[in-house]
Amino acid sequence: MHNVSVTMNRLLALVYVVTRGQEKMGAVGHTLVQKLFYLLQAGKKVPLGYKFRLYHYGPYCHELWGDLNVLEEYGYLSIKTKSNGFGYEITATDTGRAAVEENRDVEADLQDQVQELLELLGGEPVRKLEALATTHYVCNDWGEKGVNASKEQVIASVLNLKPHLHRSEVEVALTTLEEKGLNR
C-alpha cells in the first residue's frame, strides 16, 4: 500500500506544481518541472521515489517524464510543444485543477516547499536552472561519498561536467543553494 501512496502523492504533487506554476507564469516547462522536483526531493528531502541521473541540462528523471505523460493521458495535464519547436508548455486542465482543490491535505505538506522553489526557479532561464541543479547534484554526490568538498572542488567538478557554464554562474548557484538551505 505504501507504494500506491507514494505514487499518488507524487502524481498529485506534479499536478500541484504545474497548477501553481501556471498561476505564476502562465505555463511551466519540462526543465523547470525536472529541476524543481529534483530540488524538492534532494534538497528539501521530500520522499517522492524518483531516481535522478545527470543528463544534458542537469539532473533528470525519465520516470518523472513518464508520470507527466500519464497525467496527460488521464486528462489532468496538457503538454504541448512550444511554438518555436524547443521544449514544452505544460498546463493543468480543469480536471487537474479540481484534483488539486479536492486533495488539499496532500497539498498542505508540500505547499510551502513548492512555493519556495517556484519563487526560486520560476521564470528563470534554463541555464540558471541547469547551474543550480547540477551544482546541488555535485555537492550531494560528494556528500554521499563522505567527502566534505571545498568550494573550489565543487566549482571544478561542475565546470568539468558543464564546460559551457561560467565560473560565476556556478558561484552564484552555490551561494543560492546555501542561502536557501538546499545544500546537504
N, C-alpha and C. Protein backbone atom coordinates (compact mmCIF):
# COMPACT_ATOMS: atom_id res chain seq x y z
N MET A 1 0.82 -1.20 0.00
CA MET A 1 0.00 0.00 0.00
C MET A 1 0.86 1.26 0.00
N HIS A 2 2.04 1.18 0.61
CA HIS A 2 2.93 2.34 0.69
C HIS A 2 3.28 2.88 -0.70
N ASN A 3 3.59 1.98 -1.65
CA ASN A 3 3.97 2.43 -2.99
C ASN A 3 2.84 3.17 -3.69
N VAL A 4 1.60 2.71 -3.49
CA VAL A 4 0.44 3.39 -4.08
C VAL A 4 0.36 4.80 -3.52
N SER A 5 0.57 4.91 -2.21
CA SER A 5 0.51 6.21 -1.55
C SER A 5 1.60 7.14 -2.06
N VAL A 6 2.83 6.64 -2.19
CA VAL A 6 3.93 7.46 -2.71
C VAL A 6 3.63 7.90 -4.14
N THR A 7 3.14 6.97 -4.96
CA THR A 7 2.83 7.28 -6.35
C THR A 7 1.71 8.31 -6.44
N MET A 8 0.66 8.13 -5.65
CA MET A 8 -0.44 9.11 -5.66
C MET A 8 0.06 10.48 -5.21
N ASN A 9 0.86 10.50 -4.14
CA ASN A 9 1.39 11.77 -3.65
C ASN A 9 2.23 12.47 -4.70
N ARG A 10 3.06 11.71 -5.40
CA ARG A 10 3.91 12.39 -6.37
C ARG A 10 3.13 12.80 -7.61
N LEU A 11 2.11 12.06 -7.99
CA LEU A 11 1.27 12.47 -9.12
C LEU A 11 0.49 13.74 -8.75
N LEU A 12 -0.07 13.75 -7.54
CA LEU A 12 -0.76 14.95 -7.08
C LEU A 12 0.21 16.13 -6.95
N ALA A 13 1.42 15.84 -6.48
CA ALA A 13 2.44 16.89 -6.36
C ALA A 13 2.77 17.46 -7.75
N LEU A 14 2.85 16.61 -8.74
CA LEU A 14 3.12 17.08 -10.11
C LEU A 14 2.01 18.01 -10.59
N VAL A 15 0.76 17.58 -10.40
CA VAL A 15 -0.37 18.42 -10.82
C VAL A 15 -0.35 19.73 -10.04
N TYR A 16 -0.04 19.64 -8.76
CA TYR A 16 0.02 20.83 -7.91
C TYR A 16 1.10 21.80 -8.41
N VAL A 17 2.28 21.29 -8.69
CA VAL A 17 3.39 22.13 -9.17
C VAL A 17 3.00 22.81 -10.49
N VAL A 18 2.40 22.05 -11.40
CA VAL A 18 2.00 22.63 -12.68
C VAL A 18 0.92 23.69 -12.47
N THR A 19 -0.05 23.40 -11.60
CA THR A 19 -1.14 24.35 -11.33
C THR A 19 -0.59 25.65 -10.75
N ARG A 20 0.26 25.54 -9.73
CA ARG A 20 0.82 26.75 -9.10
C ARG A 20 1.78 27.47 -10.03
N GLY A 21 2.55 26.72 -10.79
CA GLY A 21 3.46 27.33 -11.77
C GLY A 21 2.71 28.06 -12.86
N GLN A 22 1.60 27.48 -13.27
CA GLN A 22 0.75 28.10 -14.30
C GLN A 22 0.17 29.42 -13.77
N GLU A 23 -0.24 29.43 -12.51
CA GLU A 23 -0.76 30.67 -11.91
C GLU A 23 0.31 31.76 -11.90
N LYS A 24 1.55 31.35 -11.65
CA LYS A 24 2.66 32.30 -11.53
C LYS A 24 3.17 32.75 -12.91
N MET A 25 3.24 31.80 -13.88
CA MET A 25 3.93 32.10 -15.14
C MET A 25 3.12 31.85 -16.40
N GLY A 26 1.92 31.32 -16.28
CA GLY A 26 1.12 31.03 -17.47
C GLY A 26 1.25 29.57 -17.92
N ALA A 27 2.43 29.02 -17.82
CA ALA A 27 2.68 27.61 -18.15
C ALA A 27 4.04 27.26 -17.56
N VAL A 28 4.31 25.98 -17.41
CA VAL A 28 5.64 25.58 -16.95
C VAL A 28 6.29 24.72 -18.02
N GLY A 29 7.61 24.72 -18.01
CA GLY A 29 8.35 23.92 -18.96
C GLY A 29 8.83 22.63 -18.33
N HIS A 30 9.24 21.72 -19.17
CA HIS A 30 9.72 20.42 -18.72
C HIS A 30 10.98 20.56 -17.85
N THR A 31 11.89 21.44 -18.24
CA THR A 31 13.13 21.61 -17.47
C THR A 31 12.82 22.13 -16.07
N LEU A 32 11.91 23.09 -15.97
CA LEU A 32 11.53 23.62 -14.65
C LEU A 32 10.97 22.49 -13.77
N VAL A 33 10.08 21.68 -14.32
CA VAL A 33 9.48 20.59 -13.54
C VAL A 33 10.57 19.62 -13.07
N GLN A 34 11.47 19.26 -13.97
CA GLN A 34 12.55 18.33 -13.61
C GLN A 34 13.42 18.90 -12.49
N LYS A 35 13.84 20.15 -12.63
CA LYS A 35 14.75 20.74 -11.63
C LYS A 35 14.03 21.00 -10.31
N LEU A 36 12.77 21.43 -10.38
CA LEU A 36 12.01 21.67 -9.16
C LEU A 36 11.83 20.36 -8.39
N PHE A 37 11.48 19.29 -9.09
CA PHE A 37 11.29 18.01 -8.41
C PHE A 37 12.61 17.44 -7.90
N TYR A 38 13.68 17.67 -8.64
CA TYR A 38 14.99 17.24 -8.14
C TYR A 38 15.30 17.94 -6.82
N LEU A 39 15.14 19.27 -6.78
CA LEU A 39 15.45 20.02 -5.56
C LEU A 39 14.45 19.74 -4.44
N LEU A 40 13.20 19.47 -4.80
CA LEU A 40 12.20 19.11 -3.79
C LEU A 40 12.61 17.81 -3.10
N GLN A 41 13.06 16.87 -3.90
CA GLN A 41 13.44 15.56 -3.35
C GLN A 41 14.83 15.58 -2.72
N ALA A 42 15.83 16.07 -3.44
CA ALA A 42 17.21 16.00 -2.95
C ALA A 42 17.56 17.15 -2.01
N GLY A 43 16.98 18.32 -2.23
CA GLY A 43 17.30 19.49 -1.41
C GLY A 43 16.39 19.63 -0.21
N LYS A 44 15.09 19.40 -0.41
CA LYS A 44 14.10 19.54 0.65
C LYS A 44 13.80 18.21 1.33
N LYS A 45 14.36 17.13 0.80
CA LYS A 45 14.22 15.78 1.38
C LYS A 45 12.76 15.29 1.41
N VAL A 46 11.98 15.66 0.38
CA VAL A 46 10.61 15.14 0.25
C VAL A 46 10.73 13.79 -0.45
N PRO A 47 10.29 12.69 0.19
CA PRO A 47 10.46 11.35 -0.38
C PRO A 47 9.46 11.06 -1.50
N LEU A 48 9.88 11.31 -2.73
CA LEU A 48 8.99 11.09 -3.88
C LEU A 48 9.36 9.83 -4.67
N GLY A 49 10.51 9.25 -4.38
CA GLY A 49 10.89 7.99 -5.01
C GLY A 49 11.45 8.10 -6.42
N TYR A 50 11.75 9.30 -6.87
CA TYR A 50 12.34 9.46 -8.20
C TYR A 50 13.84 9.22 -8.13
N LYS A 51 14.39 8.65 -9.21
CA LYS A 51 15.83 8.43 -9.30
C LYS A 51 16.36 9.34 -10.42
N PHE A 52 17.12 10.34 -10.02
CA PHE A 52 17.67 11.29 -10.97
C PHE A 52 19.09 10.89 -11.33
N ARG A 53 19.46 11.16 -12.59
CA ARG A 53 20.85 11.00 -13.00
C ARG A 53 21.23 12.25 -13.78
N LEU A 54 22.53 12.49 -13.86
CA LEU A 54 22.99 13.68 -14.55
C LEU A 54 22.78 13.51 -16.04
N TYR A 55 22.22 14.53 -16.64
CA TYR A 55 21.86 14.49 -18.06
C TYR A 55 22.26 15.82 -18.68
N HIS A 56 21.83 16.08 -19.89
CA HIS A 56 22.28 17.25 -20.65
C HIS A 56 22.10 18.57 -19.88
N TYR A 57 20.93 18.82 -19.31
CA TYR A 57 20.67 20.08 -18.60
C TYR A 57 20.69 19.89 -17.08
N GLY A 58 21.42 18.90 -16.61
CA GLY A 58 21.50 18.66 -15.17
C GLY A 58 20.71 17.43 -14.77
N PRO A 59 20.38 17.27 -13.50
CA PRO A 59 19.66 16.09 -13.03
C PRO A 59 18.34 15.90 -13.78
N TYR A 60 18.09 14.65 -14.17
CA TYR A 60 16.91 14.31 -14.98
C TYR A 60 16.40 12.96 -14.55
N CYS A 61 15.07 12.78 -14.61
CA CYS A 61 14.45 11.50 -14.27
C CYS A 61 13.46 11.12 -15.37
N HIS A 62 13.72 9.99 -16.04
CA HIS A 62 12.82 9.52 -17.10
C HIS A 62 11.44 9.19 -16.55
N GLU A 63 11.40 8.64 -15.33
CA GLU A 63 10.13 8.26 -14.72
C GLU A 63 9.24 9.49 -14.48
N LEU A 64 9.83 10.61 -14.16
CA LEU A 64 9.09 11.85 -13.97
C LEU A 64 8.41 12.27 -15.28
N TRP A 65 9.15 12.19 -16.37
CA TRP A 65 8.58 12.49 -17.69
C TRP A 65 7.44 11.52 -17.99
N GLY A 66 7.63 10.25 -17.63
CA GLY A 66 6.57 9.25 -17.80
C GLY A 66 5.33 9.61 -17.01
N ASP A 67 5.51 10.05 -15.76
CA ASP A 67 4.37 10.46 -14.93
C ASP A 67 3.63 11.65 -15.54
N LEU A 68 4.37 12.60 -16.10
CA LEU A 68 3.73 13.73 -16.77
C LEU A 68 2.86 13.25 -17.93
N ASN A 69 3.37 12.29 -18.69
CA ASN A 69 2.60 11.74 -19.82
C ASN A 69 1.37 10.97 -19.36
N VAL A 70 1.50 10.23 -18.26
CA VAL A 70 0.34 9.52 -17.70
C VAL A 70 -0.73 10.53 -17.29
N LEU A 71 -0.31 11.60 -16.63
CA LEU A 71 -1.26 12.63 -16.20
C LEU A 71 -1.93 13.31 -17.40
N GLU A 72 -1.21 13.42 -18.49
CA GLU A 72 -1.83 13.96 -19.71
C GLU A 72 -2.84 12.98 -20.28
N GLU A 73 -2.48 11.69 -20.31
CA GLU A 73 -3.40 10.66 -20.82
C GLU A 73 -4.71 10.64 -20.04
N TYR A 74 -4.63 10.85 -18.73
CA TYR A 74 -5.82 10.83 -17.88
C TYR A 74 -6.53 12.19 -17.81
N GLY A 75 -6.02 13.17 -18.54
CA GLY A 75 -6.72 14.44 -18.65
C GLY A 75 -6.45 15.45 -17.55
N TYR A 76 -5.39 15.24 -16.76
CA TYR A 76 -5.06 16.18 -15.69
C TYR A 76 -4.15 17.30 -16.16
N LEU A 77 -3.32 17.00 -17.16
CA LEU A 77 -2.36 17.97 -17.70
C LEU A 77 -2.47 18.02 -19.21
N SER A 78 -1.99 19.13 -19.76
CA SER A 78 -1.84 19.27 -21.20
C SER A 78 -0.36 19.55 -21.47
N ILE A 79 0.22 18.80 -22.38
CA ILE A 79 1.63 19.00 -22.74
C ILE A 79 1.70 19.32 -24.23
N LYS A 80 2.12 20.52 -24.54
CA LYS A 80 2.20 20.98 -25.93
C LYS A 80 3.63 21.40 -26.24
N THR A 81 4.07 21.10 -27.46
CA THR A 81 5.38 21.58 -27.91
C THR A 81 5.28 23.09 -28.07
N LYS A 82 6.30 23.82 -27.60
CA LYS A 82 6.31 25.28 -27.74
C LYS A 82 6.27 25.65 -29.22
N SER A 83 5.72 26.80 -29.50
CA SER A 83 5.56 27.25 -30.89
C SER A 83 6.90 27.36 -31.63
N ASN A 84 8.00 27.61 -30.88
CA ASN A 84 9.31 27.70 -31.54
C ASN A 84 9.93 26.32 -31.77
N GLY A 85 9.22 25.26 -31.32
CA GLY A 85 9.70 23.90 -31.54
C GLY A 85 10.68 23.40 -30.49
N PHE A 86 11.05 24.26 -29.53
CA PHE A 86 12.00 23.89 -28.49
C PHE A 86 11.30 23.82 -27.14
N GLY A 87 11.25 22.64 -26.57
CA GLY A 87 10.67 22.49 -25.24
C GLY A 87 9.16 22.33 -25.24
N TYR A 88 8.60 22.33 -24.05
CA TYR A 88 7.18 22.06 -23.87
C TYR A 88 6.55 23.10 -22.96
N GLU A 89 5.25 23.32 -23.18
CA GLU A 89 4.43 24.10 -22.26
C GLU A 89 3.49 23.12 -21.59
N ILE A 90 3.59 23.03 -20.28
CA ILE A 90 2.77 22.09 -19.53
C ILE A 90 1.77 22.90 -18.71
N THR A 91 0.50 22.59 -18.88
CA THR A 91 -0.54 23.28 -18.14
C THR A 91 -1.49 22.26 -17.51
N ALA A 92 -2.14 22.68 -16.42
CA ALA A 92 -3.14 21.84 -15.77
C ALA A 92 -4.49 22.07 -16.46
N THR A 93 -5.24 21.01 -16.63
CA THR A 93 -6.59 21.11 -17.18
C THR A 93 -7.55 21.42 -16.04
N ASP A 94 -8.81 21.64 -16.37
CA ASP A 94 -9.83 21.85 -15.33
C ASP A 94 -9.87 20.64 -14.39
N THR A 95 -9.74 19.44 -14.96
CA THR A 95 -9.73 18.22 -14.15
C THR A 95 -8.55 18.22 -13.19
N GLY A 96 -7.40 18.63 -13.67
CA GLY A 96 -6.20 18.69 -12.83
C GLY A 96 -6.34 19.70 -11.71
N ARG A 97 -6.86 20.88 -12.05
CA ARG A 97 -7.07 21.91 -11.02
C ARG A 97 -8.07 21.45 -9.98
N ALA A 98 -9.12 20.74 -10.41
CA ALA A 98 -10.13 20.22 -9.48
C ALA A 98 -9.50 19.18 -8.54
N ALA A 99 -8.60 18.35 -9.07
CA ALA A 99 -7.92 17.33 -8.24
C ALA A 99 -7.08 18.00 -7.16
N VAL A 100 -6.42 19.10 -7.50
CA VAL A 100 -5.62 19.84 -6.52
C VAL A 100 -6.53 20.39 -5.43
N GLU A 101 -7.67 20.96 -5.83
CA GLU A 101 -8.61 21.51 -4.84
C GLU A 101 -9.17 20.43 -3.93
N GLU A 102 -9.45 19.24 -4.49
CA GLU A 102 -10.04 18.14 -3.72
C GLU A 102 -9.04 17.50 -2.77
N ASN A 103 -7.77 17.67 -3.03
CA ASN A 103 -6.74 16.99 -2.23
C ASN A 103 -5.87 18.00 -1.49
N ARG A 104 -6.51 18.88 -0.79
CA ARG A 104 -5.78 19.92 -0.06
C ARG A 104 -4.87 19.34 1.02
N ASP A 105 -5.19 18.16 1.53
CA ASP A 105 -4.35 17.55 2.57
C ASP A 105 -2.97 17.19 2.01
N VAL A 106 -2.93 16.66 0.79
CA VAL A 106 -1.64 16.35 0.15
C VAL A 106 -0.91 17.67 -0.12
N GLU A 107 -1.67 18.62 -0.58
CA GLU A 107 -1.12 19.94 -0.92
C GLU A 107 -0.48 20.60 0.30
N ALA A 108 -1.09 20.44 1.46
CA ALA A 108 -0.61 21.14 2.66
C ALA A 108 0.84 20.79 2.99
N ASP A 109 1.21 19.53 2.86
CA ASP A 109 2.58 19.10 3.18
C ASP A 109 3.61 19.73 2.25
N LEU A 110 3.24 19.90 1.01
CA LEU A 110 4.20 20.36 0.00
C LEU A 110 4.09 21.84 -0.32
N GLN A 111 3.00 22.46 0.09
CA GLN A 111 2.68 23.81 -0.36
C GLN A 111 3.82 24.81 -0.17
N ASP A 112 4.34 24.91 1.05
CA ASP A 112 5.39 25.90 1.32
C ASP A 112 6.66 25.59 0.54
N GLN A 113 7.03 24.31 0.50
CA GLN A 113 8.26 23.93 -0.19
C GLN A 113 8.15 24.18 -1.69
N VAL A 114 7.01 23.82 -2.27
CA VAL A 114 6.80 24.05 -3.71
C VAL A 114 6.79 25.55 -4.00
N GLN A 115 6.10 26.31 -3.15
CA GLN A 115 6.02 27.75 -3.35
C GLN A 115 7.42 28.38 -3.31
N GLU A 116 8.21 27.95 -2.34
CA GLU A 116 9.57 28.47 -2.20
C GLU A 116 10.41 28.14 -3.44
N LEU A 117 10.30 26.91 -3.94
CA LEU A 117 11.07 26.52 -5.12
C LEU A 117 10.55 27.20 -6.38
N LEU A 118 9.25 27.41 -6.47
CA LEU A 118 8.72 28.16 -7.62
C LEU A 118 9.22 29.60 -7.62
N GLU A 119 9.31 30.19 -6.43
CA GLU A 119 9.84 31.55 -6.32
C GLU A 119 11.31 31.58 -6.78
N LEU A 120 12.05 30.55 -6.40
CA LEU A 120 13.47 30.47 -6.74
C LEU A 120 13.69 30.18 -8.23
N LEU A 121 12.92 29.23 -8.78
CA LEU A 121 13.18 28.73 -10.13
C LEU A 121 12.28 29.31 -11.21
N GLY A 122 11.07 29.70 -10.84
CA GLY A 122 10.07 30.12 -11.82
C GLY A 122 10.52 31.30 -12.65
N GLY A 123 10.39 31.18 -13.96
CA GLY A 123 10.73 32.27 -14.86
C GLY A 123 12.21 32.44 -15.12
N GLU A 124 13.03 31.60 -14.51
CA GLU A 124 14.48 31.70 -14.72
C GLU A 124 14.88 30.99 -16.02
N PRO A 125 15.96 31.45 -16.64
CA PRO A 125 16.42 30.77 -17.86
C PRO A 125 16.90 29.34 -17.57
N VAL A 126 16.78 28.48 -18.56
CA VAL A 126 17.18 27.08 -18.42
C VAL A 126 18.62 26.98 -17.91
N ARG A 127 19.47 27.86 -18.39
CA ARG A 127 20.88 27.85 -18.00
C ARG A 127 21.05 28.00 -16.48
N LYS A 128 20.26 28.87 -15.87
CA LYS A 128 20.34 29.06 -14.43
C LYS A 128 19.80 27.83 -13.69
N LEU A 129 18.71 27.25 -14.21
CA LEU A 129 18.16 26.03 -13.62
C LEU A 129 19.19 24.90 -13.68
N GLU A 130 19.86 24.81 -14.83
CA GLU A 130 20.90 23.79 -15.02
C GLU A 130 22.04 24.00 -14.03
N ALA A 131 22.49 25.23 -13.87
CA ALA A 131 23.60 25.53 -12.95
C ALA A 131 23.22 25.18 -11.51
N LEU A 132 22.04 25.59 -11.08
CA LEU A 132 21.59 25.32 -9.71
C LEU A 132 21.49 23.82 -9.44
N ALA A 133 20.77 23.11 -10.30
CA ALA A 133 20.53 21.69 -10.07
C ALA A 133 21.81 20.87 -10.21
N THR A 134 22.66 21.20 -11.19
CA THR A 134 23.90 20.45 -11.36
C THR A 134 24.84 20.70 -10.18
N THR A 135 24.91 21.94 -9.71
CA THR A 135 25.76 22.25 -8.56
C THR A 135 25.28 21.49 -7.33
N HIS A 136 23.98 21.45 -7.13
CA HIS A 136 23.44 20.67 -6.00
C HIS A 136 23.78 19.20 -6.16
N TYR A 137 23.61 18.67 -7.37
CA TYR A 137 23.88 17.26 -7.65
C TYR A 137 25.33 16.92 -7.31
N VAL A 138 26.26 17.78 -7.71
CA VAL A 138 27.68 17.56 -7.43
C VAL A 138 27.94 17.61 -5.92
N CYS A 139 27.40 18.61 -5.24
CA CYS A 139 27.56 18.70 -3.77
C CYS A 139 27.01 17.46 -3.08
N ASN A 140 25.84 17.04 -3.52
CA ASN A 140 25.17 15.86 -2.95
C ASN A 140 26.02 14.60 -3.18
N ASP A 141 26.57 14.50 -4.39
CA ASP A 141 27.39 13.34 -4.75
C ASP A 141 28.64 13.28 -3.86
N TRP A 142 29.30 14.41 -3.68
CA TRP A 142 30.47 14.46 -2.79
C TRP A 142 30.04 14.03 -1.38
N GLY A 143 28.93 14.59 -0.90
CA GLY A 143 28.44 14.30 0.45
C GLY A 143 28.12 12.83 0.65
N GLU A 144 27.51 12.20 -0.36
CA GLU A 144 27.18 10.77 -0.26
C GLU A 144 28.45 9.91 -0.20
N LYS A 145 29.53 10.42 -0.75
CA LYS A 145 30.81 9.70 -0.71
C LYS A 145 31.57 10.01 0.58
N GLY A 146 30.97 10.83 1.44
CA GLY A 146 31.59 11.18 2.71
C GLY A 146 32.71 12.20 2.59
N VAL A 147 32.72 12.93 1.47
CA VAL A 147 33.76 13.93 1.25
C VAL A 147 33.17 15.32 1.49
N ASN A 148 33.82 16.09 2.34
CA ASN A 148 33.42 17.48 2.54
C ASN A 148 34.20 18.32 1.54
N ALA A 149 33.66 18.41 0.33
CA ALA A 149 34.36 19.08 -0.77
C ALA A 149 34.44 20.59 -0.53
N SER A 150 35.56 21.15 -0.91
CA SER A 150 35.74 22.60 -0.81
C SER A 150 34.93 23.27 -1.92
N LYS A 151 34.72 24.56 -1.78
CA LYS A 151 34.03 25.35 -2.80
C LYS A 151 34.74 25.18 -4.14
N GLU A 152 36.08 25.22 -4.12
CA GLU A 152 36.86 25.08 -5.35
C GLU A 152 36.68 23.71 -6.00
N GLN A 153 36.62 22.65 -5.18
CA GLN A 153 36.41 21.30 -5.72
C GLN A 153 35.04 21.19 -6.39
N VAL A 154 34.04 21.77 -5.76
CA VAL A 154 32.68 21.73 -6.31
C VAL A 154 32.65 22.49 -7.64
N ILE A 155 33.20 23.70 -7.65
CA ILE A 155 33.21 24.51 -8.87
C ILE A 155 33.94 23.78 -10.00
N ALA A 156 35.10 23.21 -9.68
CA ALA A 156 35.87 22.48 -10.70
C ALA A 156 35.08 21.28 -11.24
N SER A 157 34.40 20.56 -10.35
CA SER A 157 33.61 19.40 -10.78
C SER A 157 32.46 19.80 -11.69
N VAL A 158 31.74 20.86 -11.30
CA VAL A 158 30.62 21.32 -12.12
C VAL A 158 31.11 21.79 -13.48
N LEU A 159 32.19 22.56 -13.51
CA LEU A 159 32.72 23.07 -14.77
C LEU A 159 33.28 21.95 -15.64
N ASN A 160 33.77 20.90 -15.01
CA ASN A 160 34.23 19.73 -15.76
C ASN A 160 33.04 19.04 -16.44
N LEU A 161 31.92 18.94 -15.72
CA LEU A 161 30.72 18.31 -16.27
C LEU A 161 30.01 19.23 -17.27
N LYS A 162 30.04 20.52 -17.00
CA LYS A 162 29.31 21.52 -17.80
C LYS A 162 30.25 22.64 -18.22
N PRO A 163 31.17 22.35 -19.16
CA PRO A 163 32.17 23.36 -19.54
C PRO A 163 31.58 24.63 -20.16
N HIS A 164 30.33 24.58 -20.62
CA HIS A 164 29.70 25.77 -21.20
C HIS A 164 29.24 26.76 -20.13
N LEU A 165 29.14 26.31 -18.88
CA LEU A 165 28.77 27.24 -17.81
C LEU A 165 29.99 28.10 -17.44
N HIS A 166 29.72 29.29 -16.94
CA HIS A 166 30.78 30.17 -16.48
C HIS A 166 30.99 29.96 -14.98
N ARG A 167 32.20 30.16 -14.55
CA ARG A 167 32.54 30.04 -13.12
C ARG A 167 31.59 30.89 -12.26
N SER A 168 31.30 32.10 -12.72
CA SER A 168 30.43 33.00 -11.94
C SER A 168 29.03 32.40 -11.78
N GLU A 169 28.53 31.68 -12.79
CA GLU A 169 27.21 31.05 -12.70
C GLU A 169 27.20 29.96 -11.63
N VAL A 170 28.29 29.21 -11.54
CA VAL A 170 28.40 28.14 -10.54
C VAL A 170 28.55 28.75 -9.15
N GLU A 171 29.31 29.82 -9.04
CA GLU A 171 29.46 30.51 -7.74
C GLU A 171 28.12 31.04 -7.24
N VAL A 172 27.35 31.65 -8.15
CA VAL A 172 26.02 32.15 -7.79
C VAL A 172 25.12 30.98 -7.37
N ALA A 173 25.19 29.88 -8.09
CA ALA A 173 24.38 28.69 -7.75
C ALA A 173 24.73 28.19 -6.35
N LEU A 174 26.02 28.10 -6.05
CA LEU A 174 26.46 27.64 -4.71
C LEU A 174 25.93 28.56 -3.61
N THR A 175 26.08 29.86 -3.82
CA THR A 175 25.60 30.84 -2.84
C THR A 175 24.09 30.72 -2.65
N THR A 176 23.36 30.61 -3.76
CA THR A 176 21.91 30.49 -3.70
C THR A 176 21.49 29.24 -2.95
N LEU A 177 22.13 28.11 -3.24
CA LEU A 177 21.80 26.85 -2.56
C LEU A 177 22.04 26.96 -1.06
N GLU A 178 23.13 27.62 -0.68
CA GLU A 178 23.44 27.80 0.74
C GLU A 178 22.43 28.73 1.40
N GLU A 179 22.10 29.84 0.74
CA GLU A 179 21.15 30.80 1.29
C GLU A 179 19.76 30.20 1.47
N LYS A 180 19.38 29.32 0.57
CA LYS A 180 18.04 28.71 0.61
C LYS A 180 18.01 27.42 1.44
N GLY A 181 19.17 27.05 2.00
CA GLY A 181 19.22 25.84 2.83
C GLY A 181 19.02 24.56 2.04
N LEU A 182 19.40 24.57 0.79
CA LEU A 182 19.20 23.39 -0.07
C LEU A 182 20.42 22.49 -0.17
N ASN A 183 21.56 22.95 0.34
CA ASN A 183 22.77 22.14 0.25
C ASN A 183 22.93 21.25 1.45
N ARG A 184 22.86 19.96 1.22
CA ARG A 184 23.04 18.90 2.22
C ARG A 184 22.09 18.95 3.33
